[in-house]
Amino acid sequence: MKSLRQIRFLLDKDLRIELRKKESLVSMAFFGALILVMLNISSGIGRQVDAETGAGILWVAIIFSSVLGLGRVFSREKENGCVAALLISPVTPGEIFVAKTLVNFTLMLLSELVLVPVFYVLFGAQLSFSLLTLLPVLLLVNLGFSTTGTLISAISAGTRRNEVLLPILLFPLILPLTALAVKATAATMAAKPFAELLPQLEPMFAFCVIFSAVGYLLFPFTIRED
């Protein structure tokens, strides 16, 4: 119970800061929407796209925009010297990892509330998909991306080339998750029954479990300052 209170405290603190300044959220939503507009122009305005192409376009916009939010996860603590204060506080590194993961998860979900409607306006006229069917795909990708990204963000935050190192380390790790997400999303956009998404959703769930455990175990070694 105490651990849950501490995680909630860290989560509320970070979300209040993010929602007050709106730096990460606005940049994520704007950048993702800009990618969708550019891809719409490059593919031909009003041109019909199939389900697989549409799914790829949607996830390119979500993944690339979400990296912007990851870059700010630990940069504020590093800049202000708050990491040492966190480490000597009663909060454990595992609780910090869970709280930061939930912050990333929430920011991704909020940005998707903008990006999915923008995608539907630009590309969805020829596609028929249910948001209820798409929701579990979004949630699993958000969780897998957030757990992996939080760990990699902690690794790269202390380096001089954080902005470059973060995507270089992150993208190869989330490639299987992204490929499965594109297949599952393409199935939803082709109006296929939910049962046909299970071959993709099951390994996506396994990815989330594995990287959540790995991130939780390795995080204390990545955040400590020598």
Protein backbone atom coordinates (compact mmCIF):
# COMPACT_ATOMS: atom_id res chain seq x y z
CA MET A 1 0.00 0.00 0.00
CA LYS A 2 2.84 2.39 0.85
CA SER A 3 4.48 1.61 -2.47
CA LEU A 4 1.28 2.46 -4.35
CA ARG A 5 1.04 5.80 -2.53
CA GLN A 6 4.61 6.68 -3.46
CA ILE A 7 4.05 5.71 -7.10
CA ARG A 8 0.89 7.79 -7.17
CA PHE A 9 2.74 10.74 -5.62
CA LEU A 10 5.47 10.62 -8.29
CA LEU A 11 2.92 10.13 -11.05
CA ASP A 12 0.80 13.07 -9.90
CA LYS A 13 3.88 15.28 -9.57
CA ASP A 14 5.14 14.57 -13.10
CA LEU A 15 1.71 14.80 -14.70
CA ARG A 16 0.98 18.13 -13.00
CA ILE A 17 4.24 19.53 -14.33
CA GLU A 18 3.65 18.17 -17.83
CA LEU A 19 0.02 19.27 -18.04
CA ARG A 20 0.82 22.71 -16.62
CA LYS A 21 3.58 23.45 -19.11
CA LYS A 22 2.23 21.17 -21.89
CA GLU A 23 5.67 21.08 -23.53
CA SER A 24 5.82 17.34 -24.16
CA LEU A 25 2.14 16.83 -24.90
CA VAL A 26 1.82 19.70 -27.38
CA SER A 27 5.06 18.79 -29.16
CA MET A 28 4.02 15.12 -29.41
CA ALA A 29 0.56 15.89 -30.78
CA PHE A 30 1.79 18.59 -33.16
CA PHE A 31 4.70 16.55 -34.49
CA GLY A 32 2.54 13.46 -34.98
CA ALA A 33 -0.15 15.45 -36.76
CA LEU A 34 2.52 17.07 -38.94
CA ILE A 35 3.82 13.64 -39.94
CA LEU A 36 0.31 12.54 -40.89
CA VAL A 37 -0.22 15.65 -43.01
CA MET A 38 3.13 15.20 -44.76
CA LEU A 39 2.43 11.53 -45.49
CA ASN A 40 -1.02 12.46 -46.78
CA ILE A 41 0.52 14.99 -49.16
CA SER A 42 3.27 12.62 -50.27
CA SER A 43 0.84 9.78 -50.97
CA GLY A 44 -1.51 12.09 -52.84
CA ILE A 45 -4.28 14.07 -51.22
CA GLY A 46 -7.52 12.11 -51.37
CA ARG A 47 -5.78 8.99 -52.65
CA GLN A 48 -7.17 5.74 -51.31
CA VAL A 49 -4.83 3.67 -49.09
CA ASP A 50 -5.26 0.04 -48.14
CA ALA A 51 -5.44 -1.23 -44.56
CA GLU A 52 -1.76 -2.21 -44.25
CA THR A 53 -0.54 1.12 -45.61
CA GLY A 54 -2.91 3.03 -43.34
CA ALA A 55 -1.77 1.04 -40.30
CA GLY A 56 1.87 1.73 -41.12
CA ILE A 57 1.19 5.45 -41.51
CA LEU A 58 -0.62 5.63 -38.18
CA TRP A 59 2.13 3.88 -36.22
CA VAL A 60 4.94 5.85 -37.84
CA ALA A 61 3.26 9.03 -36.61
CA ILE A 62 2.59 7.66 -33.10
CA ILE A 63 6.03 6.11 -32.53
CA PHE A 64 8.07 9.03 -33.83
CA SER A 65 6.01 11.59 -31.92
CA SER A 66 6.22 9.55 -28.71
CA VAL A 67 10.02 9.66 -28.77
CA LEU A 68 9.77 13.40 -28.13
CA GLY A 69 8.02 12.72 -24.84
CA LEU A 70 10.59 10.11 -23.80
CA GLY A 71 13.39 12.63 -24.16
CA ARG A 72 11.89 14.70 -21.34
CA VAL A 73 11.36 11.83 -18.88
CA PHE A 74 14.62 12.26 -16.98
CA SER A 75 16.07 15.40 -18.53
CA ARG A 76 14.36 17.64 -15.96
CA GLU A 77 15.75 15.63 -13.04
CA LYS A 78 19.20 15.52 -14.63
CA GLU A 79 19.22 19.26 -15.30
CA ASN A 80 18.11 20.20 -11.78
CA GLY A 81 20.14 17.55 -9.97
CA CYS A 82 17.01 15.86 -8.63
CA VAL A 83 18.11 12.31 -9.41
CA ALA A 84 20.34 12.20 -6.34
CA ALA A 85 17.47 13.51 -4.22
CA LEU A 86 15.18 10.78 -5.55
CA LEU A 87 17.77 8.11 -4.80
CA ILE A 88 18.21 9.13 -1.17
CA SER A 89 14.45 9.52 -0.64
CA PRO A 90 12.27 6.66 0.70
CA VAL A 91 11.14 6.00 -2.89
CA THR A 92 12.75 2.89 -4.40
CA PRO A 93 14.14 2.78 -7.96
CA GLY A 94 11.43 0.29 -8.88
CA GLU A 95 8.74 2.73 -7.83
CA ILE A 96 10.42 5.48 -9.87
CA PHE A 97 10.42 3.15 -12.90
CA VAL A 98 6.72 2.35 -12.54
CA ALA A 99 5.79 6.02 -12.08
CA LYS A 100 7.84 7.18 -15.08
CA THR A 101 6.39 4.38 -17.20
CA LEU A 102 2.86 5.46 -16.29
CA VAL A 103 3.74 9.07 -17.17
CA ASN A 104 4.91 7.99 -20.62
CA PHE A 105 1.87 5.76 -21.02
CA THR A 106 -0.48 8.63 -20.15
CA LEU A 107 1.23 11.10 -22.48
CA MET A 108 1.05 8.61 -25.35
CA LEU A 109 -2.63 8.00 -24.69
CA LEU A 110 -3.40 11.73 -24.61
CA SER A 111 -1.50 12.38 -27.84
CA GLU A 112 -3.33 9.48 -29.52
CA LEU A 113 -6.62 11.18 -28.67
CA VAL A 114 -5.47 13.80 -31.17
CA LEU A 115 -3.58 11.65 -33.68
CA VAL A 116 -6.22 8.95 -34.26
CA PRO A 117 -8.96 11.48 -35.21
CA VAL A 118 -6.49 13.36 -37.44
CA PHE A 119 -5.57 10.07 -39.11
CA TYR A 120 -9.24 9.25 -39.60
CA VAL A 121 -9.90 12.62 -41.23
CA LEU A 122 -6.92 12.31 -43.61
CA PHE A 123 -6.98 8.58 -44.41
CA GLY A 124 -10.03 7.00 -42.84
CA ALA A 125 -12.61 7.73 -45.53
CA GLN A 126 -11.77 4.46 -47.31
CA LEU A 127 -11.13 2.47 -44.14
CA SER A 128 -13.71 0.95 -41.83
CA PHE A 129 -12.44 0.15 -38.36
CA SER A 130 -13.84 0.05 -34.87
CA LEU A 131 -12.18 2.11 -32.15
CA LEU A 132 -13.14 -0.55 -29.62
CA THR A 133 -11.17 -3.13 -31.60
CA LEU A 134 -8.24 -0.73 -32.03
CA LEU A 135 -8.14 0.14 -28.31
CA PRO A 136 -6.39 -3.03 -27.04
CA VAL A 137 -3.74 -2.61 -29.74
CA LEU A 138 -3.11 0.98 -28.65
CA LEU A 139 -2.94 0.05 -24.97
CA LEU A 140 -0.49 -2.82 -25.51
CA VAL A 141 1.80 -0.76 -27.72
CA ASN A 142 1.68 2.12 -25.25
CA LEU A 143 2.65 -0.19 -22.40
CA GLY A 144 5.44 -1.93 -24.32
CA PHE A 145 6.79 1.35 -25.67
CA SER A 146 6.62 3.04 -22.26
CA THR A 147 8.38 0.29 -20.33
CA THR A 148 11.14 -0.06 -22.92
CA GLY A 149 11.43 3.67 -23.49
CA THR A 150 11.65 4.49 -19.78
CA LEU A 151 14.59 2.12 -19.36
CA ILE A 152 16.40 3.41 -22.46
CA SER A 153 15.68 7.01 -21.48
CA ALA A 154 17.34 6.43 -18.11
CA ILE A 155 20.38 4.93 -19.86
CA SER A 156 20.77 7.76 -22.36
CA ALA A 157 19.83 10.66 -20.05
CA GLY A 158 23.32 10.93 -18.59
CA THR A 159 25.05 11.10 -21.98
CA ARG A 160 25.94 14.17 -23.99
CA ARG A 161 24.11 12.83 -27.08
CA ASN A 162 20.84 11.95 -25.41
CA GLU A 163 18.65 13.01 -28.36
CA VAL A 164 20.66 10.85 -30.78
CA LEU A 165 21.34 7.85 -28.54
CA LEU A 166 17.73 7.42 -27.38
CA PRO A 167 16.15 6.50 -30.76
CA ILE A 168 19.23 4.50 -31.83
CA LEU A 169 18.88 2.23 -28.79
CA LEU A 170 15.08 2.23 -28.67
CA PHE A 171 13.94 1.56 -32.23
CA PRO A 172 15.65 -1.86 -32.67
CA LEU A 173 14.10 -3.04 -29.39
CA ILE A 174 10.54 -2.03 -30.23
CA LEU A 175 10.72 -3.20 -33.86
CA PRO A 176 8.94 -6.53 -33.14
CA LEU A 177 6.24 -4.71 -31.18
CA THR A 178 5.74 -2.20 -33.99
CA ALA A 179 5.53 -4.92 -36.65
CA LEU A 180 2.89 -6.78 -34.65
CA ALA A 181 0.99 -3.54 -34.05
CA VAL A 182 0.90 -2.77 -37.77
CA LYS A 183 -0.48 -6.23 -38.55
CA ALA A 184 -3.10 -6.03 -35.81
CA THR A 185 -4.12 -2.51 -36.80
CA ALA A 186 -4.36 -3.51 -40.45
CA ALA A 187 -6.74 -6.29 -39.42
CA THR A 188 -8.92 -3.81 -37.53
CA MET A 189 -8.94 -1.42 -40.49
CA ALA A 190 -10.00 -4.29 -42.75
CA ALA A 191 -12.98 -4.86 -40.41
CA LYS A 192 -11.83 -8.36 -39.48
CA PRO A 193 -13.25 -10.04 -36.36
CA PHE A 194 -11.45 -9.63 -33.06
CA ALA A 195 -10.47 -13.30 -33.02
CA GLU A 196 -8.14 -12.72 -35.97
CA LEU A 197 -6.18 -10.16 -33.92
CA LEU A 198 -5.25 -12.68 -31.22
CA PRO A 199 -2.16 -14.06 -33.07
CA GLN A 200 -0.72 -10.54 -32.84
CA LEU A 201 -2.10 -9.48 -29.45
CA GLU A 202 -0.70 -12.49 -27.59
CA PRO A 203 2.99 -11.89 -28.50
CA MET A 204 2.45 -8.16 -27.91
CA PHE A 205 1.25 -8.96 -24.39
CA ALA A 206 4.27 -11.22 -23.88
CA PHE A 207 6.56 -8.38 -25.05
CA CYS A 208 5.00 -6.06 -22.46
CA VAL A 209 5.44 -8.59 -19.65
CA ILE A 210 9.05 -9.37 -20.54
CA PHE A 211 10.21 -5.78 -20.93
CA SER A 212 8.29 -4.65 -17.87
CA ALA A 213 10.15 -7.23 -15.80
CA VAL A 214 13.50 -6.49 -17.44
CA GLY A 215 13.04 -2.75 -17.02
CA TYR A 216 12.03 -3.10 -13.37
CA LEU A 217 15.08 -5.26 -12.60
CA LEU A 218 17.65 -3.24 -14.54
CA PHE A 219 16.39 0.23 -13.73
CA PRO A 220 18.25 0.56 -10.37
CA PHE A 221 21.56 0.08 -12.22
CA THR A 222 20.74 2.66 -14.90
CA ILE A 223 19.52 5.48 -12.68
CA ARG A 224 22.19 5.48 -10.00
CA GLU A 225 24.86 8.16 -10.26
CA ASP A 226 28.48 7.30 -9.53
